[in-house]
Structures are given as structure tokens and as C-alpha cells.
Amino acid sequence: MRLNEIVFNDAQPVEGYGPGFFRIGGQVIHGPVITGPKGTMTWAGLDDATPLLSLAAEVDVLFVGTGADVAHLPDDLLVQLHDAGVGVEAMASPAACRTYNVLLSEGRRIALAMVPV
């Protein structure tokens, strides 16, 4: 087995979340957010596929936190992400934060897009 170190330049774990916000890298961000190897940025939400598609070459899996409850992602978003070669997992935002943090600590090629609870 060959092991390669994966470097995430600006990826940071999610430190906390609450009604309408996330805390990532010591910064509180209100509203939807994307975080991963390109850093952390605000996001327009599930109708905004462009920043998610820009992650295609950087990640193997994109976790999408859909708020307090699990919700289905829009079909057109799923098709675009799958066509770009990005694996997508939708889950409630709290579960997405936990999963992202664990896999990030393992050095996985992942990103997280989430809607606040």
C-alpha cells in the first residue's frame, strides 16, 4: 500500500454552530457557508451551484448540510455535481459538521456546504 500525504491549504474544522451561524477558524459566519481546501466563504444556498462545482478538482466528497433536518437536494444540483465527478452526501447540518471534522482530521479530500439550523 502506498500512502501519500494530502495537504489542505486553508481547510479548517467547524468549531461550532447555532441558530443562523457557524464558527469556523475563529470567525463567526451568518447564513449558508462553504468550507474546504479553498478556505471558507459565504454561499447563496442550494440554488447556487457555481462555488460547489469549483470544488470538483479539489475534493472527492462534498457534504451538504441541509439545516436542522435532512432534506433532498435539488435534482439539477445533484446532476451537475455528479457530472463534475463530485460525490455528494446530504445530511442535517449538525451531522455534516461532525462528519466533516472527523474526515478532515484523517486528511481526506472533502468540503462542506451547509445551511444553518
N, C-alpha and C. Protein backbone atom coordinates (compact mmCIF):
# COMPACT_ATOMS: atom_id res chain seq x y z
N MET A 1 0.85 -1.16 0.00
CA MET A 1 0.00 0.00 0.00
C MET A 1 0.90 1.23 0.00
N ARG A 2 0.52 2.21 -0.83
CA ARG A 2 1.28 3.45 -0.90
C ARG A 2 0.50 4.54 -0.18
N LEU A 3 1.14 5.24 0.72
CA LEU A 3 0.50 6.31 1.47
C LEU A 3 1.03 7.65 0.99
N ASN A 4 0.14 8.56 0.70
CA ASN A 4 0.51 9.91 0.29
C ASN A 4 -0.11 10.90 1.25
N GLU A 5 0.67 11.88 1.63
CA GLU A 5 0.14 12.93 2.50
C GLU A 5 -0.69 13.88 1.66
N ILE A 6 -1.88 14.21 2.15
CA ILE A 6 -2.75 15.16 1.48
C ILE A 6 -2.70 16.46 2.26
N VAL A 7 -2.46 17.55 1.57
CA VAL A 7 -2.35 18.85 2.22
C VAL A 7 -3.57 19.68 1.86
N PHE A 8 -4.25 20.18 2.88
CA PHE A 8 -5.37 21.08 2.68
C PHE A 8 -4.89 22.47 3.06
N ASN A 9 -4.72 23.31 2.06
CA ASN A 9 -4.12 24.62 2.30
C ASN A 9 -4.87 25.45 3.33
N ASP A 10 -6.15 25.65 3.13
CA ASP A 10 -6.90 26.54 4.00
C ASP A 10 -8.07 25.86 4.71
N ALA A 11 -8.11 24.54 4.71
CA ALA A 11 -9.23 23.82 5.34
C ALA A 11 -9.13 23.94 6.86
N GLN A 12 -10.28 24.22 7.47
CA GLN A 12 -10.34 24.35 8.92
C GLN A 12 -11.57 23.61 9.42
N PRO A 13 -11.51 23.02 10.62
CA PRO A 13 -12.68 22.34 11.16
C PRO A 13 -13.76 23.33 11.59
N VAL A 14 -14.97 22.84 11.65
CA VAL A 14 -16.09 23.64 12.16
C VAL A 14 -16.00 23.59 13.68
N GLU A 15 -15.92 24.76 14.31
CA GLU A 15 -15.76 24.84 15.76
C GLU A 15 -17.09 24.93 16.49
N GLY A 16 -18.13 25.38 15.81
CA GLY A 16 -19.42 25.50 16.46
C GLY A 16 -20.48 25.99 15.49
N TYR A 17 -21.73 25.90 15.92
CA TYR A 17 -22.84 26.38 15.11
C TYR A 17 -24.01 26.66 16.04
N GLY A 18 -24.95 27.43 15.55
CA GLY A 18 -26.14 27.75 16.31
C GLY A 18 -27.18 28.30 15.36
N PRO A 19 -28.26 28.85 15.90
CA PRO A 19 -29.32 29.37 15.04
C PRO A 19 -28.81 30.47 14.11
N GLY A 20 -28.66 30.15 12.84
CA GLY A 20 -28.29 31.13 11.84
C GLY A 20 -26.80 31.37 11.64
N PHE A 21 -25.92 30.65 12.35
CA PHE A 21 -24.48 30.93 12.20
C PHE A 21 -23.64 29.67 12.34
N PHE A 22 -22.38 29.81 11.88
CA PHE A 22 -21.35 28.79 12.05
C PHE A 22 -20.08 29.50 12.53
N ARG A 23 -19.25 28.80 13.31
CA ARG A 23 -17.96 29.33 13.72
C ARG A 23 -16.88 28.42 13.13
N ILE A 24 -16.07 28.99 12.24
CA ILE A 24 -15.03 28.24 11.55
C ILE A 24 -13.75 29.07 11.60
N GLY A 25 -12.69 28.49 12.10
CA GLY A 25 -11.41 29.20 12.18
C GLY A 25 -11.48 30.45 13.03
N GLY A 26 -12.30 30.42 14.07
CA GLY A 26 -12.42 31.55 14.97
C GLY A 26 -13.31 32.66 14.45
N GLN A 27 -13.86 32.50 13.27
CA GLN A 27 -14.71 33.52 12.66
C GLN A 27 -16.16 33.06 12.68
N VAL A 28 -17.06 33.94 13.07
CA VAL A 28 -18.49 33.64 13.04
C VAL A 28 -19.04 34.09 11.70
N ILE A 29 -19.73 33.17 11.03
CA ILE A 29 -20.30 33.45 9.72
C ILE A 29 -21.80 33.22 9.81
N HIS A 30 -22.56 34.23 9.44
CA HIS A 30 -24.02 34.13 9.46
C HIS A 30 -24.52 33.69 8.10
N GLY A 31 -25.44 32.76 8.08
CA GLY A 31 -26.02 32.28 6.83
C GLY A 31 -25.28 31.07 6.28
N PRO A 32 -25.66 30.64 5.07
CA PRO A 32 -25.02 29.48 4.45
C PRO A 32 -23.53 29.72 4.21
N VAL A 33 -22.76 28.64 4.26
CA VAL A 33 -21.30 28.74 4.17
C VAL A 33 -20.74 27.50 3.47
N ILE A 34 -19.59 27.69 2.83
CA ILE A 34 -18.82 26.58 2.25
C ILE A 34 -17.44 26.64 2.88
N THR A 35 -16.92 25.47 3.26
CA THR A 35 -15.56 25.41 3.77
C THR A 35 -14.88 24.16 3.22
N GLY A 36 -13.60 24.27 2.99
CA GLY A 36 -12.84 23.16 2.43
C GLY A 36 -11.44 23.59 2.08
N PRO A 37 -10.84 22.92 1.10
CA PRO A 37 -9.44 23.19 0.77
C PRO A 37 -9.18 24.58 0.22
N LYS A 38 -10.20 25.26 -0.27
CA LYS A 38 -10.03 26.63 -0.79
C LYS A 38 -10.34 27.69 0.26
N GLY A 39 -10.57 27.26 1.50
CA GLY A 39 -10.90 28.20 2.56
C GLY A 39 -12.39 28.21 2.85
N THR A 40 -12.83 29.25 3.53
CA THR A 40 -14.22 29.38 3.95
C THR A 40 -14.82 30.62 3.30
N MET A 41 -16.05 30.48 2.79
CA MET A 41 -16.73 31.61 2.15
C MET A 41 -18.23 31.50 2.35
N THR A 42 -18.88 32.64 2.29
CA THR A 42 -20.34 32.62 2.36
C THR A 42 -20.87 32.02 1.06
N TRP A 43 -22.13 31.63 1.10
CA TRP A 43 -22.73 30.90 -0.01
C TRP A 43 -24.18 31.32 -0.11
N ALA A 44 -24.72 31.34 -1.30
CA ALA A 44 -26.11 31.76 -1.51
C ALA A 44 -27.11 30.65 -1.20
N GLY A 45 -26.65 29.43 -0.99
CA GLY A 45 -27.55 28.33 -0.65
C GLY A 45 -27.70 27.32 -1.78
N LEU A 46 -28.67 26.45 -1.64
CA LEU A 46 -28.82 25.31 -2.53
C LEU A 46 -29.07 25.68 -3.98
N ASP A 47 -29.49 26.90 -4.25
CA ASP A 47 -29.71 27.32 -5.63
C ASP A 47 -28.43 27.81 -6.31
N ASP A 48 -27.33 27.86 -5.58
CA ASP A 48 -26.07 28.40 -6.09
C ASP A 48 -25.06 27.27 -6.28
N ALA A 49 -25.03 26.69 -7.47
CA ALA A 49 -24.16 25.54 -7.75
C ALA A 49 -22.73 25.94 -8.11
N THR A 50 -22.51 27.16 -8.57
CA THR A 50 -21.20 27.55 -9.10
C THR A 50 -20.05 27.33 -8.12
N PRO A 51 -20.13 27.80 -6.87
CA PRO A 51 -18.98 27.57 -5.97
C PRO A 51 -18.80 26.09 -5.63
N LEU A 52 -19.87 25.33 -5.65
CA LEU A 52 -19.75 23.89 -5.37
C LEU A 52 -19.04 23.19 -6.52
N LEU A 53 -19.38 23.58 -7.75
CA LEU A 53 -18.75 22.98 -8.92
C LEU A 53 -17.27 23.33 -9.01
N SER A 54 -16.89 24.48 -8.46
CA SER A 54 -15.48 24.88 -8.49
C SER A 54 -14.61 23.99 -7.60
N LEU A 55 -15.23 23.21 -6.75
CA LEU A 55 -14.51 22.31 -5.85
C LEU A 55 -14.20 20.96 -6.50
N ALA A 56 -14.72 20.72 -7.70
CA ALA A 56 -14.64 19.39 -8.32
C ALA A 56 -13.23 18.83 -8.39
N ALA A 57 -12.25 19.63 -8.74
CA ALA A 57 -10.88 19.13 -8.86
C ALA A 57 -10.19 18.99 -7.51
N GLU A 58 -10.77 19.59 -6.48
CA GLU A 58 -10.13 19.64 -5.17
C GLU A 58 -10.58 18.55 -4.20
N VAL A 59 -11.80 18.03 -4.40
CA VAL A 59 -12.37 17.12 -3.40
C VAL A 59 -12.94 15.85 -4.05
N ASP A 60 -13.05 14.83 -3.23
CA ASP A 60 -13.70 13.60 -3.65
C ASP A 60 -15.16 13.57 -3.21
N VAL A 61 -15.42 14.17 -2.04
CA VAL A 61 -16.78 14.15 -1.49
C VAL A 61 -17.12 15.54 -0.96
N LEU A 62 -18.33 15.95 -1.25
CA LEU A 62 -18.89 17.20 -0.73
C LEU A 62 -20.04 16.83 0.20
N PHE A 63 -19.93 17.26 1.44
CA PHE A 63 -21.02 17.07 2.39
C PHE A 63 -21.89 18.32 2.34
N VAL A 64 -23.19 18.13 2.26
CA VAL A 64 -24.12 19.25 2.21
C VAL A 64 -25.02 19.16 3.42
N GLY A 65 -24.89 20.14 4.31
CA GLY A 65 -25.76 20.23 5.48
C GLY A 65 -27.00 21.00 5.10
N THR A 66 -28.16 20.39 5.28
CA THR A 66 -29.41 20.98 4.80
C THR A 66 -30.21 21.68 5.90
N GLY A 67 -29.56 22.03 7.00
CA GLY A 67 -30.26 22.71 8.09
C GLY A 67 -30.51 21.76 9.24
N ALA A 68 -31.56 22.01 10.00
CA ALA A 68 -31.85 21.21 11.19
C ALA A 68 -32.26 19.78 10.84
N ASP A 69 -32.85 19.60 9.67
CA ASP A 69 -33.32 18.28 9.25
C ASP A 69 -32.73 17.91 7.90
N VAL A 70 -32.70 16.61 7.62
CA VAL A 70 -32.24 16.15 6.31
C VAL A 70 -33.28 16.52 5.27
N ALA A 71 -32.82 17.06 4.16
CA ALA A 71 -33.71 17.40 3.05
C ALA A 71 -33.08 16.91 1.76
N HIS A 72 -33.92 16.66 0.77
CA HIS A 72 -33.42 16.25 -0.54
C HIS A 72 -32.80 17.45 -1.24
N LEU A 73 -31.69 17.21 -1.91
CA LEU A 73 -31.06 18.26 -2.70
C LEU A 73 -31.79 18.40 -4.03
N PRO A 74 -31.80 19.59 -4.60
CA PRO A 74 -32.44 19.76 -5.91
C PRO A 74 -31.81 18.83 -6.95
N ASP A 75 -32.65 18.22 -7.77
CA ASP A 75 -32.17 17.27 -8.77
C ASP A 75 -31.13 17.88 -9.70
N ASP A 76 -31.35 19.12 -10.15
CA ASP A 76 -30.40 19.74 -11.07
C ASP A 76 -29.03 19.94 -10.41
N LEU A 77 -29.01 20.23 -9.13
CA LEU A 77 -27.74 20.38 -8.40
C LEU A 77 -27.02 19.03 -8.34
N LEU A 78 -27.75 17.98 -8.02
CA LEU A 78 -27.15 16.65 -7.95
C LEU A 78 -26.56 16.23 -9.29
N VAL A 79 -27.29 16.47 -10.37
CA VAL A 79 -26.82 16.10 -11.71
C VAL A 79 -25.54 16.85 -12.04
N GLN A 80 -25.51 18.15 -11.77
CA GLN A 80 -24.32 18.96 -12.06
C GLN A 80 -23.10 18.47 -11.28
N LEU A 81 -23.29 18.17 -10.00
CA LEU A 81 -22.18 17.72 -9.17
C LEU A 81 -21.70 16.34 -9.59
N HIS A 82 -22.62 15.45 -9.89
CA HIS A 82 -22.24 14.10 -10.33
C HIS A 82 -21.51 14.17 -11.67
N ASP A 83 -22.00 15.02 -12.59
CA ASP A 83 -21.33 15.18 -13.88
C ASP A 83 -19.92 15.74 -13.73
N ALA A 84 -19.70 16.53 -12.68
CA ALA A 84 -18.37 17.10 -12.40
C ALA A 84 -17.47 16.11 -11.66
N GLY A 85 -18.02 14.94 -11.30
CA GLY A 85 -17.24 13.92 -10.62
C GLY A 85 -17.13 14.08 -9.12
N VAL A 86 -18.05 14.83 -8.53
CA VAL A 86 -18.03 15.06 -7.09
C VAL A 86 -19.06 14.15 -6.42
N GLY A 87 -18.62 13.37 -5.45
CA GLY A 87 -19.55 12.60 -4.64
C GLY A 87 -20.26 13.55 -3.69
N VAL A 88 -21.55 13.34 -3.48
CA VAL A 88 -22.34 14.24 -2.66
C VAL A 88 -23.08 13.44 -1.59
N GLU A 89 -23.02 13.94 -0.36
CA GLU A 89 -23.76 13.35 0.75
C GLU A 89 -24.55 14.45 1.44
N ALA A 90 -25.86 14.35 1.42
CA ALA A 90 -26.72 15.33 2.11
C ALA A 90 -27.10 14.78 3.47
N MET A 91 -27.07 15.66 4.47
CA MET A 91 -27.45 15.28 5.83
C MET A 91 -27.79 16.56 6.59
N ALA A 92 -28.34 16.41 7.76
CA ALA A 92 -28.61 17.58 8.59
C ALA A 92 -27.29 18.29 8.89
N SER A 93 -27.32 19.60 9.02
CA SER A 93 -26.08 20.38 9.21
C SER A 93 -25.26 19.94 10.42
N PRO A 94 -25.88 19.65 11.59
CA PRO A 94 -25.05 19.20 12.71
C PRO A 94 -24.29 17.91 12.40
N ALA A 95 -24.93 16.96 11.74
CA ALA A 95 -24.26 15.71 11.37
C ALA A 95 -23.19 15.96 10.32
N ALA A 96 -23.46 16.87 9.39
CA ALA A 96 -22.48 17.21 8.36
C ALA A 96 -21.23 17.83 8.98
N CYS A 97 -21.40 18.70 9.97
CA CYS A 97 -20.25 19.31 10.66
C CYS A 97 -19.40 18.24 11.33
N ARG A 98 -20.04 17.34 12.04
CA ARG A 98 -19.29 16.29 12.75
C ARG A 98 -18.55 15.39 11.76
N THR A 99 -19.23 14.97 10.71
CA THR A 99 -18.62 14.09 9.71
C THR A 99 -17.45 14.78 9.03
N TYR A 100 -17.64 16.03 8.65
CA TYR A 100 -16.58 16.80 8.01
C TYR A 100 -15.36 16.88 8.93
N ASN A 101 -15.55 17.21 10.19
CA ASN A 101 -14.43 17.35 11.12
C ASN A 101 -13.65 16.05 11.27
N VAL A 102 -14.35 14.93 11.37
CA VAL A 102 -13.68 13.64 11.53
C VAL A 102 -12.86 13.32 10.28
N LEU A 103 -13.47 13.45 9.11
CA LEU A 103 -12.77 13.10 7.88
C LEU A 103 -11.65 14.09 7.56
N LEU A 104 -11.83 15.36 7.92
CA LEU A 104 -10.78 16.34 7.74
C LEU A 104 -9.56 15.97 8.58
N SER A 105 -9.80 15.50 9.81
CA SER A 105 -8.69 15.12 10.68
C SER A 105 -7.94 13.90 10.14
N GLU A 106 -8.60 13.13 9.28
CA GLU A 106 -7.96 11.97 8.65
C GLU A 106 -7.25 12.34 7.35
N GLY A 107 -7.32 13.61 6.96
CA GLY A 107 -6.64 14.05 5.75
C GLY A 107 -7.39 13.76 4.47
N ARG A 108 -8.69 13.58 4.56
CA ARG A 108 -9.49 13.27 3.36
C ARG A 108 -9.70 14.50 2.50
N ARG A 109 -9.96 14.26 1.22
CA ARG A 109 -10.23 15.33 0.25
C ARG A 109 -11.73 15.64 0.27
N ILE A 110 -12.13 16.54 1.16
CA ILE A 110 -13.54 16.82 1.37
C ILE A 110 -13.80 18.31 1.45
N ALA A 111 -15.08 18.65 1.31
CA ALA A 111 -15.53 20.02 1.51
C ALA A 111 -16.92 19.94 2.14
N LEU A 112 -17.36 21.05 2.68
CA LEU A 112 -18.64 21.12 3.36
C LEU A 112 -19.38 22.38 2.95
N ALA A 113 -20.61 22.19 2.50
CA ALA A 113 -21.50 23.32 2.21
C ALA A 113 -22.70 23.14 3.13
N MET A 114 -23.10 24.21 3.83
CA MET A 114 -24.17 24.00 4.80
C MET A 114 -25.05 25.22 4.97
N VAL A 115 -26.29 24.88 5.26
CA VAL A 115 -27.33 25.86 5.58
C VAL A 115 -27.48 25.83 7.10
N PRO A 116 -27.57 26.98 7.76
CA PRO A 116 -27.65 26.96 9.23
C PRO A 116 -28.94 26.31 9.75
N VAL A 117 -28.84 25.88 11.00
CA VAL A 117 -30.01 25.33 11.69
C VAL A 117 -30.92 26.45 12.11
